[in-house]
Amino acid sequence: MRIAESFAGRSAAAAAPAWARLATAEQDALSAGLVRLLIRFRVVQNLCVSRSDQHGYDIAVRRLAAACHGDHTFRAMVDLFAGHGRSLAPRVETSARPSRSCGTCVDPNRGPASC
């Protein structure tokens, strides 16, 4: 949380430059922490659902995935602006956020979700 709070902003455009100023070790720690949390949360799905409900769990997982995608997008944008754009296309993938939004915010069984 300390790392995330150090660059939080009202928008991705405002937060991205502050994220880029973080030390590489902090960027990597944030990325690793988010992925570990998402994996852990998926592993304990049955426990979480038993203590709340499936819908609440699904929203929480989507929000964690969104945080991971946001982190990925910040990293990709830094690479893109550093000139690593098209030559490293697999590494500089900036479409994670829009694709996440399209893929998770509309549940075919429930309609639009609260993301």
PDB file of N, CA and C in Angstrom:
ATOM      1  N   MET A   1       0.830  -1.199   0.000  1.00  0.00           N
ATOM      2  CA  MET A   1       0.000   0.000   0.000  1.00  0.00           C
ATOM      3  C   MET A   1       0.869   1.255   0.000  1.00  0.00           C
ATOM      4  N   ARG A   2       1.969   1.214   0.733  1.00  0.00           N
ATOM      5  CA  ARG A   2       2.831   2.388   0.802  1.00  0.00           C
ATOM      6  C   ARG A   2       3.317   2.772  -0.589  1.00  0.00           C
ATOM      7  N   ILE A   3       3.727   1.782  -1.382  1.00  0.00           N
ATOM      8  CA  ILE A   3       4.224   2.070  -2.726  1.00  0.00           C
ATOM      9  C   ILE A   3       3.101   2.649  -3.581  1.00  0.00           C
ATOM     10  N   ALA A   4       1.932   2.016  -3.558  1.00  0.00           N
ATOM     11  CA  ALA A   4       0.810   2.481  -4.369  1.00  0.00           C
ATOM     12  C   ALA A   4       0.383   3.888  -3.976  1.00  0.00           C
ATOM     13  N   GLU A   5       0.373   4.182  -2.694  1.00  0.00           N
ATOM     14  CA  GLU A   5      -0.016   5.512  -2.238  1.00  0.00           C
ATOM     15  C   GLU A   5       0.965   6.581  -2.693  1.00  0.00           C
ATOM     16  N   SER A   6       2.206   6.191  -2.944  1.00  0.00           N
ATOM     17  CA  SER A   6       3.209   7.181  -3.335  1.00  0.00           C
ATOM     18  C   SER A   6       3.002   7.727  -4.746  1.00  0.00           C
ATOM     19  N   PHE A   7       2.209   7.052  -5.560  1.00  0.00           N
ATOM     20  CA  PHE A   7       1.978   7.560  -6.909  1.00  0.00           C
ATOM     21  C   PHE A   7       0.497   7.681  -7.272  1.00  0.00           C
ATOM     22  N   ALA A   8      -0.383   7.412  -6.342  1.00  0.00           N
ATOM     23  CA  ALA A   8      -1.822   7.477  -6.623  1.00  0.00           C
ATOM     24  C   ALA A   8      -2.203   8.868  -7.113  1.00  0.00           C
ATOM     25  N   GLY A   9      -3.089   8.891  -8.089  1.00  0.00           N
ATOM     26  CA  GLY A   9      -3.554  10.156  -8.642  1.00  0.00           C
ATOM     27  C   GLY A   9      -5.005  10.041  -9.044  1.00  0.00           C
ATOM     28  N   ARG A  10      -5.558  11.140  -9.502  1.00  0.00           N
ATOM     29  CA  ARG A  10      -6.970  11.151  -9.900  1.00  0.00           C
ATOM     30  C   ARG A  10      -7.201  10.425 -11.220  1.00  0.00           C
ATOM     31  N   SER A  11      -6.141  10.200 -11.988  1.00  0.00           N
ATOM     32  CA  SER A  11      -6.270   9.509 -13.271  1.00  0.00           C
ATOM     33  C   SER A  11      -4.968   8.779 -13.566  1.00  0.00           C
ATOM     34  N   ALA A  12      -5.029   7.870 -14.535  1.00  0.00           N
ATOM     35  CA  ALA A  12      -3.818   7.158 -14.942  1.00  0.00           C
ATOM     36  C   ALA A  12      -2.801   8.135 -15.526  1.00  0.00           C
ATOM     37  N   ALA A  13      -3.285   9.138 -16.231  1.00  0.00           N
ATOM     38  CA  ALA A  13      -2.382  10.131 -16.820  1.00  0.00           C
ATOM     39  C   ALA A  13      -1.613  10.888 -15.740  1.00  0.00           C
ATOM     40  N   ALA A  14      -2.267  11.149 -14.621  1.00  0.00           N
ATOM     41  CA  ALA A  14      -1.601  11.850 -13.520  1.00  0.00           C
ATOM     42  C   ALA A  14      -0.691  10.917 -12.731  1.00  0.00           C
ATOM     43  N   ALA A  15      -1.087   9.657 -12.603  1.00  0.00           N
ATOM     44  CA  ALA A  15      -0.324   8.712 -11.790  1.00  0.00           C
ATOM     45  C   ALA A  15       0.881   8.135 -12.528  1.00  0.00           C
ATOM     46  N   ALA A  16       0.801   7.999 -13.838  1.00  0.00           N
ATOM     47  CA  ALA A  16       1.864   7.344 -14.600  1.00  0.00           C
ATOM     48  C   ALA A  16       3.239   7.993 -14.430  1.00  0.00           C
ATOM     49  N   PRO A  17       3.359   9.317 -14.518  1.00  0.00           N
ATOM     50  CA  PRO A  17       4.688   9.908 -14.326  1.00  0.00           C
ATOM     51  C   PRO A  17       5.250   9.651 -12.926  1.00  0.00           C
ATOM     52  N   ALA A  18       4.392   9.674 -11.930  1.00  0.00           N
ATOM     53  CA  ALA A  18       4.861   9.395 -10.567  1.00  0.00           C
ATOM     54  C   ALA A  18       5.279   7.934 -10.439  1.00  0.00           C
ATOM     55  N   TRP A  19       4.546   7.029 -11.090  1.00  0.00           N
ATOM     56  CA  TRP A  19       4.927   5.614 -11.090  1.00  0.00           C
ATOM     57  C   TRP A  19       6.299   5.448 -11.741  1.00  0.00           C
ATOM     58  N   ALA A  20       6.529   6.165 -12.835  1.00  0.00           N
ATOM     59  CA  ALA A  20       7.803   6.066 -13.556  1.00  0.00           C
ATOM     60  C   ALA A  20       8.973   6.537 -12.699  1.00  0.00           C
ATOM     61  N   ARG A  21       8.719   7.433 -11.754  1.00  0.00           N
ATOM     62  CA  ARG A  21       9.787   7.942 -10.885  1.00  0.00           C
ATOM     63  C   ARG A  21      10.116   6.996  -9.731  1.00  0.00           C
ATOM     64  N   LEU A  22       9.291   5.975  -9.525  1.00  0.00           N
ATOM     65  CA  LEU A  22       9.603   4.994  -8.484  1.00  0.00           C
ATOM     66  C   LEU A  22      10.882   4.253  -8.842  1.00  0.00           C
ATOM     67  N   ALA A  23      11.600   3.827  -7.842  1.00  0.00           N
ATOM     68  CA  ALA A  23      12.779   2.988  -8.083  1.00  0.00           C
ATOM     69  C   ALA A  23      12.320   1.680  -8.721  1.00  0.00           C
ATOM     70  N   THR A  24      13.168   1.108  -9.567  1.00  0.00           N
ATOM     71  CA  THR A  24      12.825  -0.149 -10.232  1.00  0.00           C
ATOM     72  C   THR A  24      12.451  -1.217  -9.215  1.00  0.00           C
ATOM     73  N   ALA A  25      13.141  -1.258  -8.099  1.00  0.00           N
ATOM     74  CA  ALA A  25      12.827  -2.256  -7.063  1.00  0.00           C
ATOM     75  C   ALA A  25      11.411  -2.062  -6.524  1.00  0.00           C
ATOM     76  N   GLU A  26      10.974  -0.809  -6.377  1.00  0.00           N
ATOM     77  CA  GLU A  26       9.604  -0.555  -5.910  1.00  0.00           C
ATOM     78  C   GLU A  26       8.582  -0.928  -6.972  1.00  0.00           C
ATOM     79  N   GLN A  27       8.866  -0.616  -8.226  1.00  0.00           N
ATOM     80  CA  GLN A  27       7.962  -1.009  -9.305  1.00  0.00           C
ATOM     81  C   GLN A  27       7.810  -2.531  -9.336  1.00  0.00           C
ATOM     82  N   ASP A  28       8.936  -3.227  -9.241  1.00  0.00           N
ATOM     83  CA  ASP A  28       8.912  -4.692  -9.277  1.00  0.00           C
ATOM     84  C   ASP A  28       8.203  -5.274  -8.055  1.00  0.00           C
ATOM     85  N   ALA A  29       8.416  -4.671  -6.892  1.00  0.00           N
ATOM     86  CA  ALA A  29       7.750  -5.146  -5.672  1.00  0.00           C
ATOM     87  C   ALA A  29       6.238  -4.967  -5.781  1.00  0.00           C
ATOM     88  N   LEU A  30       5.803  -3.843  -6.344  1.00  0.00           N
ATOM     89  CA  LEU A  30       4.375  -3.610  -6.519  1.00  0.00           C
ATOM     90  C   LEU A  30       3.777  -4.625  -7.492  1.00  0.00           C
ATOM     91  N   SER A  31       4.445  -4.835  -8.618  1.00  0.00           N
ATOM     92  CA  SER A  31       3.960  -5.802  -9.607  1.00  0.00           C
ATOM     93  C   SER A  31       3.861  -7.201  -8.999  1.00  0.00           C
ATOM     94  N   ALA A  32       4.903  -7.617  -8.334  1.00  0.00           N
ATOM     95  CA  ALA A  32       4.921  -8.953  -7.725  1.00  0.00           C
ATOM     96  C   ALA A  32       3.856  -9.079  -6.645  1.00  0.00           C
ATOM     97  N   GLY A  33       3.688  -8.047  -5.839  1.00  0.00           N
ATOM     98  CA  GLY A  33       2.680  -8.085  -4.778  1.00  0.00           C
ATOM     99  C   GLY A  33       1.270  -8.184  -5.322  1.00  0.00           C
ATOM    100  N   LEU A  34       0.991  -7.438  -6.376  1.00  0.00           N
ATOM    101  CA  LEU A  34      -0.339  -7.494  -6.985  1.00  0.00           C
ATOM    102  C   LEU A  34      -0.630  -8.882  -7.553  1.00  0.00           C
ATOM    103  N   VAL A  35       0.328  -9.449  -8.254  1.00  0.00           N
ATOM    104  CA  VAL A  35       0.121 -10.778  -8.845  1.00  0.00           C
ATOM    105  C   VAL A  35      -0.034 -11.830  -7.753  1.00  0.00           C
ATOM    106  N   ARG A  36       0.808 -11.759  -6.715  1.00  0.00           N
ATOM    107  CA  ARG A  36       0.681 -12.721  -5.601  1.00  0.00           C
ATOM    108  C   ARG A  36      -0.692 -12.613  -4.945  1.00  0.00           C
ATOM    109  N   LEU A  37      -1.162 -11.389  -4.744  1.00  0.00           N
ATOM    110  CA  LEU A  37      -2.467 -11.185  -4.122  1.00  0.00           C
ATOM    111  C   LEU A  37      -3.587 -11.749  -5.000  1.00  0.00           C
ATOM    112  N   LEU A  38      -3.508 -11.510  -6.296  1.00  0.00           N
ATOM    113  CA  LEU A  38      -4.521 -12.036  -7.207  1.00  0.00           C
ATOM    114  C   LEU A  38      -4.518 -13.565  -7.208  1.00  0.00           C
ATOM    115  N   ILE A  39      -3.347 -14.154  -7.265  1.00  0.00           N
ATOM    116  CA  ILE A  39      -3.259 -15.621  -7.231  1.00  0.00           C
ATOM    117  C   ILE A  39      -3.808 -16.153  -5.919  1.00  0.00           C
ATOM    118  N   ARG A  40      -3.397 -15.562  -4.822  1.00  0.00           N
ATOM    119  CA  ARG A  40      -3.868 -16.004  -3.500  1.00  0.00           C
ATOM    120  C   ARG A  40      -5.384 -15.876  -3.398  1.00  0.00           C
ATOM    121  N   PHE A  41      -5.910 -14.778  -3.882  1.00  0.00           N
ATOM    122  CA  PHE A  41      -7.350 -14.546  -3.808  1.00  0.00           C
ATOM    123  C   PHE A  41      -8.105 -15.607  -4.608  1.00  0.00           C
ATOM    124  N   ARG A  42      -7.559 -15.984  -5.769  1.00  0.00           N
ATOM    125  CA  ARG A  42      -8.203 -17.026  -6.569  1.00  0.00           C
ATOM    126  C   ARG A  42      -8.117 -18.385  -5.883  1.00  0.00           C
ATOM    127  N   VAL A  43      -7.018 -18.638  -5.193  1.00  0.00           N
ATOM    128  CA  VAL A  43      -6.847 -19.921  -4.498  1.00  0.00           C
ATOM    129  C   VAL A  43      -7.861 -20.079  -3.371  1.00  0.00           C
ATOM    130  N   VAL A  44      -8.181 -19.000  -2.694  1.00  0.00           N
ATOM    131  CA  VAL A  44      -9.109 -19.079  -1.557  1.00  0.00           C
ATOM    132  C   VAL A  44     -10.533 -18.685  -1.953  1.00  0.00           C
ATOM    133  N   GLN A  45     -10.871 -18.860  -3.212  1.00  0.00           N
ATOM    134  CA  GLN A  45     -12.195 -18.487  -3.706  1.00  0.00           C
ATOM    135  C   GLN A  45     -13.308 -19.125  -2.882  1.00  0.00           C
ATOM    136  N   ASN A  46     -13.236 -20.422  -2.655  1.00  0.00           N
ATOM    137  CA  ASN A  46     -14.312 -21.102  -1.920  1.00  0.00           C
ATOM    138  C   ASN A  46     -14.500 -20.517  -0.523  1.00  0.00           C
ATOM    139  N   LEU A  47     -13.413 -20.217   0.155  1.00  0.00           N
ATOM    140  CA  LEU A  47     -13.500 -19.628   1.485  1.00  0.00           C
ATOM    141  C   LEU A  47     -14.138 -18.240   1.421  1.00  0.00           C
ATOM    142  N   CYS A  48     -13.692 -17.434   0.462  1.00  0.00           N
ATOM    143  CA  CYS A  48     -14.251 -16.076   0.322  1.00  0.00           C
ATOM    144  C   CYS A  48     -15.738 -16.114   0.012  1.00  0.00           C
ATOM    145  N   VAL A  49     -16.131 -16.980  -0.901  1.00  0.00           N
ATOM    146  CA  VAL A  49     -17.546 -17.072  -1.279  1.00  0.00           C
ATOM    147  C   VAL A  49     -18.371 -17.572  -0.107  1.00  0.00           C
ATOM    148  N   SER A  50     -17.822 -18.511   0.667  1.00  0.00           N
ATOM    149  CA  SER A  50     -18.579 -19.029   1.816  1.00  0.00           C
ATOM    150  C   SER A  50     -18.791 -17.969   2.892  1.00  0.00           C
ATOM    151  N   ARG A  51     -17.904 -16.975   2.928  1.00  0.00           N
ATOM    152  CA  ARG A  51     -18.018 -15.915   3.935  1.00  0.00           C
ATOM    153  C   ARG A  51     -18.741 -14.684   3.418  1.00  0.00           C
ATOM    154  N   SER A  52     -19.000 -14.645   2.126  1.00  0.00           N
ATOM    155  CA  SER A  52     -19.755 -13.524   1.557  1.00  0.00           C
ATOM    156  C   SER A  52     -20.694 -14.082   0.495  1.00  0.00           C
ATOM    157  N   ASP A  53     -20.427 -13.793  -0.776  1.00  0.00           N
ATOM    158  CA  ASP A  53     -21.219 -14.380  -1.868  1.00  0.00           C
ATOM    159  C   ASP A  53     -20.395 -14.337  -3.152  1.00  0.00           C
ATOM    160  N   GLN A  54     -20.840 -15.054  -4.160  1.00  0.00           N
ATOM    161  CA  GLN A  54     -20.100 -15.158  -5.423  1.00  0.00           C
ATOM    162  C   GLN A  54     -19.985 -13.806  -6.119  1.00  0.00           C
ATOM    163  N   HIS A  55     -21.063 -13.050  -6.118  1.00  0.00           N
ATOM    164  CA  HIS A  55     -21.049 -11.755  -6.801  1.00  0.00           C
ATOM    165  C   HIS A  55     -19.998 -10.817  -6.185  1.00  0.00           C
ATOM    166  N   GLY A  56     -19.964 -10.742  -4.875  1.00  0.00           N
ATOM    167  CA  GLY A  56     -18.971  -9.901  -4.208  1.00  0.00           C
ATOM    168  C   GLY A  56     -17.551 -10.351  -4.494  1.00  0.00           C
ATOM    169  N   TYR A  57     -17.351 -11.663  -4.489  1.00  0.00           N
ATOM    170  CA  TYR A  57     -16.036 -12.218  -4.806  1.00  0.00           C
ATOM    171  C   TYR A  57     -15.646 -11.860  -6.241  1.00  0.00           C
ATOM    172  N   ASP A  58     -16.586 -12.029  -7.176  1.00  0.00           N
ATOM    173  CA  ASP A  58     -16.300 -11.728  -8.581  1.00  0.00           C
ATOM    174  C   ASP A  58     -15.893 -10.267  -8.772  1.00  0.00           C
ATOM    175  N   ILE A  59     -16.567  -9.375  -8.108  1.00  0.00           N
ATOM    176  CA  ILE A  59     -16.216  -7.948  -8.199  1.00  0.00           C
ATOM    177  C   ILE A  59     -14.809  -7.720  -7.647  1.00  0.00           C
ATOM    178  N   ALA A  60     -14.504  -8.332  -6.506  1.00  0.00           N
ATOM    179  CA  ALA A  60     -13.172  -8.159  -5.914  1.00  0.00           C
ATOM    180  C   ALA A  60     -12.083  -8.690  -6.836  1.00  0.00           C
ATOM    181  N   VAL A  61     -12.314  -9.841  -7.466  1.00  0.00           N
ATOM    182  CA  VAL A  61     -11.324 -10.406  -8.385  1.00  0.00           C
ATOM    183  C   VAL A  61     -11.137  -9.490  -9.596  1.00  0.00           C
ATOM    184  N   ARG A  62     -12.231  -8.950 -10.112  1.00  0.00           N
ATOM    185  CA  ARG A  62     -12.118  -8.018 -11.245  1.00  0.00           C
ATOM    186  C   ARG A  62     -11.322  -6.781 -10.854  1.00  0.00           C
ATOM    187  N   ARG A  63     -11.512  -6.296  -9.654  1.00  0.00           N
ATOM    188  CA  ARG A  63     -10.766  -5.110  -9.213  1.00  0.00           C
ATOM    189  C   ARG A  63      -9.284  -5.424  -9.033  1.00  0.00           C
ATOM    190  N   LEU A  64      -8.978  -6.592  -8.505  1.00  0.00           N
ATOM    191  CA  LEU A  64      -7.566  -6.989  -8.399  1.00  0.00           C
ATOM    192  C   LEU A  64      -6.946  -7.146  -9.782  1.00  0.00           C
ATOM    193  N   ALA A  65      -7.680  -7.771 -10.697  1.00  0.00           N
ATOM    194  CA  ALA A  65      -7.174  -7.918 -12.064  1.00  0.00           C
ATOM    195  C   ALA A  65      -6.972  -6.548 -12.701  1.00  0.00           C
ATOM    196  N   ALA A  66      -7.869  -5.618 -12.436  1.00  0.00           N
ATOM    197  CA  ALA A  66      -7.727  -4.259 -12.967  1.00  0.00           C
ATOM    198  C   ALA A  66      -6.462  -3.598 -12.436  1.00  0.00           C
ATOM    199  N   ALA A  67      -6.158  -3.820 -11.177  1.00  0.00           N
ATOM    200  CA  ALA A  67      -4.930  -3.255 -10.602  1.00  0.00           C
ATOM    201  C   ALA A  67      -3.701  -3.849 -11.288  1.00  0.00           C
ATOM    202  N   CYS A  68      -3.730  -5.154 -11.558  1.00  0.00           N
ATOM    203  CA  CYS A  68      -2.616  -5.794 -12.268  1.00  0.00           C
ATOM    204  C   CYS A  68      -2.477  -5.235 -13.678  1.00  0.00           C
ATOM    205  N   HIS A  69      -3.603  -5.047 -14.351  1.00  0.00           N
ATOM    206  CA  HIS A  69      -3.568  -4.507 -15.704  1.00  0.00           C
ATOM    207  C   HIS A  69      -3.098  -3.056 -15.694  1.00  0.00           C
ATOM    208  N   GLY A  70      -3.511  -2.301 -14.698  1.00  0.00           N
ATOM    209  CA  GLY A  70      -3.040  -0.921 -14.586  1.00  0.00           C
ATOM    210  C   GLY A  70      -1.537  -0.857 -14.390  1.00  0.00           C
ATOM    211  N   ASP A  71      -1.025  -1.726 -13.545  1.00  0.00           N
ATOM    212  CA  ASP A  71       0.417  -1.805 -13.314  1.00  0.00           C
ATOM    213  C   ASP A  71       1.133  -2.151 -14.620  1.00  0.00           C
ATOM    214  N   HIS A  72       0.601  -3.131 -15.332  1.00  0.00           N
ATOM    215  CA  HIS A  72       1.184  -3.521 -16.621  1.00  0.00           C
ATOM    216  C   HIS A  72       1.168  -2.351 -17.597  1.00  0.00           C
ATOM    217  N   THR A  73       0.076  -1.617 -17.635  1.00  0.00           N
ATOM    218  CA  THR A  73      -0.053  -0.495 -18.553  1.00  0.00           C
ATOM    219  C   THR A  73       0.947   0.609 -18.217  1.00  0.00           C
ATOM    220  N   PHE A  74       1.129   0.907 -16.927  1.00  0.00           N
ATOM    221  CA  PHE A  74       2.133   1.908 -16.543  1.00  0.00           C
ATOM    222  C   PHE A  74       3.510   1.488 -17.057  1.00  0.00           C
ATOM    223  N   ARG A  75       3.861   0.240 -16.838  1.00  0.00           N
ATOM    224  CA  ARG A  75       5.168  -0.266 -17.267  1.00  0.00           C
ATOM    225  C   ARG A  75       5.301  -0.173 -18.794  1.00  0.00           C
ATOM    226  N   ALA A  76       4.249  -0.551 -19.506  1.00  0.00           N
ATOM    227  CA  ALA A  76       4.286  -0.508 -20.965  1.00  0.00           C
ATOM    228  C   ALA A  76       4.409   0.924 -21.479  1.00  0.00           C
ATOM    229  N   MET A  77       3.706   1.851 -20.847  1.00  0.00           N
ATOM    230  CA  MET A  77       3.774   3.245 -21.284  1.00  0.00           C
ATOM    231  C   MET A  77       5.170   3.827 -21.056  1.00  0.00           C
ATOM    232  N   VAL A  78       5.789   3.486 -19.942  1.00  0.00           N
ATOM    233  CA  VAL A  78       7.157   3.954 -19.687  1.00  0.00           C
ATOM    234  C   VAL A  78       8.084   3.438 -20.780  1.00  0.00           C
ATOM    235  N   ASP A  79       7.949   2.149 -21.134  1.00  0.00           N
ATOM    236  CA  ASP A  79       8.771   1.585 -22.207  1.00  0.00           C
ATOM    237  C   ASP A  79       8.499   2.275 -23.535  1.00  0.00           C
ATOM    238  N   LEU A  80       7.232   2.520 -23.818  1.00  0.00           N
ATOM    239  CA  LEU A  80       6.864   3.159 -25.079  1.00  0.00           C
ATOM    240  C   LEU A  80       7.483   4.547 -25.177  1.00  0.00           C
ATOM    241  N   PHE A  81       7.347   5.347 -24.111  1.00  0.00           N
ATOM    242  CA  PHE A  81       7.892   6.697 -24.134  1.00  0.00           C
ATOM    243  C   PHE A  81       9.419   6.715 -24.104  1.00  0.00           C
ATOM    244  N   ALA A  82      10.024   5.602 -23.674  1.00  0.00           N
ATOM    245  CA  ALA A  82      11.481   5.505 -23.675  1.00  0.00           C
ATOM    246  C   ALA A  82      12.001   5.073 -25.048  1.00  0.00           C
ATOM    247  N   GLY A  83      11.091   4.856 -25.997  1.00  0.00           N
ATOM    248  CA  GLY A  83      11.508   4.505 -27.345  1.00  0.00           C
ATOM    249  C   GLY A  83      11.561   3.022 -27.623  1.00  0.00           C
ATOM    250  N   HIS A  84      10.976   2.226 -26.751  1.00  0.00           N
ATOM    251  CA  HIS A  84      10.993   0.774 -26.950  1.00  0.00           C
ATOM    252  C   HIS A  84       9.707   0.289 -27.602  1.00  0.00           C
ATOM    253  N   GLY A  85       9.029   1.169 -28.311  1.00  0.00           N
ATOM    254  CA  GLY A  85       7.708   0.895 -28.872  1.00  0.00           C
ATOM    255  C   GLY A  85       7.591  -0.301 -29.772  1.00  0.00           C
ATOM    256  N   ARG A  86       7.479  -0.083 -31.060  1.00  0.00           N
ATOM    257  CA  ARG A  86       7.143  -1.146 -32.005  1.00  0.00           C
ATOM    258  C   ARG A  86       8.194  -2.242 -32.088  1.00  0.00           C
ATOM    259  N   SER A  87       9.454  -1.938 -31.857  1.00  0.00           N
ATOM    260  CA  SER A  87      10.485  -2.964 -31.987  1.00  0.00           C
ATOM    261  C   SER A  87      10.349  -4.047 -30.918  1.00  0.00           C
ATOM    262  N   LEU A  88       9.701  -3.727 -29.812  1.00  0.00           N
ATOM    263  CA  LEU A  88       9.496  -4.697 -28.734  1.00  0.00           C
ATOM    264  C   LEU A  88       8.010  -4.907 -28.482  1.00  0.00           C
ATOM    265  N   ALA A  89       7.244  -5.008 -29.558  1.00  0.00           N
ATOM    266  CA  ALA A  89       5.785  -5.059 -29.448  1.00  0.00           C
ATOM    267  C   ALA A  89       5.260  -6.008 -28.374  1.00  0.00           C
ATOM    268  N   PRO A  90       5.769  -7.233 -28.228  1.00  0.00           N
ATOM    269  CA  PRO A  90       5.208  -8.090 -27.168  1.00  0.00           C
ATOM    270  C   PRO A  90       5.417  -7.504 -25.772  1.00  0.00           C
ATOM    271  N   ARG A  91       6.517  -6.797 -25.569  1.00  0.00           N
ATOM    272  CA  ARG A  91       6.793  -6.226 -24.255  1.00  0.00           C
ATOM    273  C   ARG A  91       5.994  -4.943 -24.030  1.00  0.00           C
ATOM    274  N   VAL A  92       5.828  -4.157 -25.076  1.00  0.00           N
ATOM    275  CA  VAL A  92       5.143  -2.882 -24.953  1.00  0.00           C
ATOM    276  C   VAL A  92       3.703  -3.050 -25.428  1.00  0.00           C
ATOM    277  N   GLU A  93       2.903  -3.646 -24.605  1.00  0.00           N
ATOM    278  CA  GLU A  93       1.496  -3.896 -24.916  1.00  0.00           C
ATOM    279  C   GLU A  93       0.672  -2.946 -24.066  1.00  0.00           C
ATOM    280  N   THR A  94       0.136  -1.919 -24.708  1.00  0.00           N
ATOM    281  CA  THR A  94      -0.596  -0.891 -23.962  1.00  0.00           C
ATOM    282  C   THR A  94      -2.101  -1.087 -23.997  1.00  0.00           C
ATOM    283  N   SER A  95      -2.564  -2.170 -24.588  1.00  0.00           N
ATOM    284  CA  SER A  95      -4.014  -2.365 -24.713  1.00  0.00           C
ATOM    285  C   SER A  95      -4.599  -3.227 -23.602  1.00  0.00           C
ATOM    286  N   ALA A  96      -3.830  -3.529 -22.572  1.00  0.00           N
ATOM    287  CA  ALA A  96      -4.334  -4.397 -21.494  1.00  0.00           C
ATOM    288  C   ALA A  96      -5.531  -3.784 -20.790  1.00  0.00           C
ATOM    289  N   ARG A  97      -5.496  -2.503 -20.521  1.00  0.00           N
ATOM    290  CA  ARG A  97      -6.597  -1.874 -19.792  1.00  0.00           C
ATOM    291  C   ARG A  97      -7.910  -1.884 -20.587  1.00  0.00           C
ATOM    292  N   PRO A  98      -7.894  -1.431 -21.850  1.00  0.00           N
ATOM    293  CA  PRO A  98      -9.157  -1.490 -22.599  1.00  0.00           C
ATOM    294  C   PRO A  98      -9.671  -2.916 -22.778  1.00  0.00           C
ATOM    295  N   SER A  99      -8.763  -3.871 -23.022  1.00  0.00           N
ATOM    296  CA  SER A  99      -9.228  -5.243 -23.216  1.00  0.00           C
ATOM    297  C   SER A  99      -9.770  -5.816 -21.915  1.00  0.00           C
ATOM    298  N   ARG A 100      -9.193  -5.446 -20.782  1.00  0.00           N
ATOM    299  CA  ARG A 100      -9.704  -5.894 -19.497  1.00  0.00           C
ATOM    300  C   ARG A 100     -11.097  -5.337 -19.271  1.00  0.00           C
ATOM    301  N   SER A 101     -11.263  -4.068 -19.597  1.00  0.00           N
ATOM    302  CA  SER A 101     -12.572  -3.444 -19.409  1.00  0.00           C
ATOM    303  C   SER A 101     -13.632  -4.132 -20.253  1.00  0.00           C
ATOM    304  N   CYS A 102     -13.309  -4.414 -21.485  1.00  0.00           N
ATOM    305  CA  CYS A 102     -14.275  -5.060 -22.375  1.00  0.00           C
ATOM    306  C   CYS A 102     -14.559  -6.490 -21.937  1.00  0.00           C
ATOM    307  N   GLY A 103     -13.556  -7.168 -21.418  1.00  0.00           N
ATOM    308  CA  GLY A 103     -13.722  -8.570 -21.089  1.00  0.00           C
ATOM    309  C   GLY A 103     -14.310  -8.864 -19.740  1.00  0.00           C
ATOM    310  N   THR A 104     -14.301  -7.915 -18.818  1.00  0.00           N
ATOM    311  CA  THR A 104     -14.755  -8.243 -17.472  1.00  0.00           C
ATOM    312  C   THR A 104     -15.929  -7.414 -16.980  1.00  0.00           C
ATOM    313  N   CYS A 105     -16.217  -6.326 -17.620  1.00  0.00           N
ATOM    314  CA  CYS A 105     -17.273  -5.465 -17.095  1.00  0.00           C
ATOM    315  C   CYS A 105     -18.662  -5.844 -17.586  1.00  0.00           C
ATOM    316  N   VAL A 106     -18.731  -6.720 -18.556  1.00  0.00           N
ATOM    317  CA  VAL A 106     -20.033  -7.184 -19.010  1.00  0.00           C
ATOM    318  C   VAL A 106     -20.073  -8.689 -18.819  1.00  0.00           C
ATOM    319  N   ASP A 107     -20.848  -9.127 -17.885  1.00  0.00           N
ATOM    320  CA  ASP A 107     -21.023 -10.538 -17.595  1.00  0.00           C
ATOM    321  C   ASP A 107     -22.219 -11.015 -18.407  1.00  0.00           C
ATOM    322  N   PRO A 108     -22.033 -11.990 -19.303  1.00  0.00           N
ATOM    323  CA  PRO A 108     -23.147 -12.409 -20.156  1.00  0.00           C
ATOM    324  C   PRO A 108     -24.330 -12.962 -19.366  1.00  0.00           C
ATOM    325  N   ASN A 109     -24.104 -13.410 -18.153  1.00  0.00           N
ATOM    326  CA  ASN A 109     -25.179 -13.955 -17.338  1.00  0.00           C
ATOM    327  C   ASN A 109     -25.889 -12.900 -16.482  1.00  0.00           C
ATOM    328  N   ARG A 110     -25.197 -11.778 -16.212  1.00  0.00           N
ATOM    329  CA  ARG A 110     -25.739 -10.759 -15.303  1.00  0.00           C
ATOM    330  C   ARG A 110     -25.855  -9.386 -15.926  1.00  0.00           C
ATOM    331  N   GLY A 111     -25.221  -9.168 -17.052  1.00  0.00           N
ATOM    332  CA  GLY A 111     -25.198  -7.823 -17.625  1.00  0.00           C
ATOM    333  C   GLY A 111     -24.019  -7.045 -17.067  1.00  0.00           C
ATOM    334  N   PRO A 112     -24.030  -5.735 -17.187  1.00  0.00           N
ATOM    335  CA  PRO A 112     -22.896  -4.924 -16.723  1.00  0.00           C
ATOM    336  C   PRO A 112     -22.626  -5.132 -15.240  1.00  0.00           C
ATOM    337  N   ALA A 113     -21.343  -5.226 -14.904  1.00  0.00           N
ATOM    338  CA  ALA A 113     -20.926  -5.441 -13.520  1.00  0.00           C
ATOM    339  C   ALA A 113     -20.445  -4.134 -12.900  1.00  0.00           C
ATOM    340  N   SER A 114     -20.343  -4.136 -11.593  1.00  0.00           N
ATOM    341  CA  SER A 114     -19.797  -2.984 -10.870  1.00  0.00           C
ATOM    342  C   SER A 114     -18.301  -3.146 -10.779  1.00  0.00           C
ATOM    343  N   CYS A 115     -17.562  -2.576 -11.724  1.00  0.00           N
ATOM    344  CA  CYS A 115     -16.117  -2.745 -11.750  1.00  0.00           C
ATOM    345  C   CYS A 115     -15.417  -1.688 -10.936  1.00  0.00           C
TER     346      CYS A 115
END
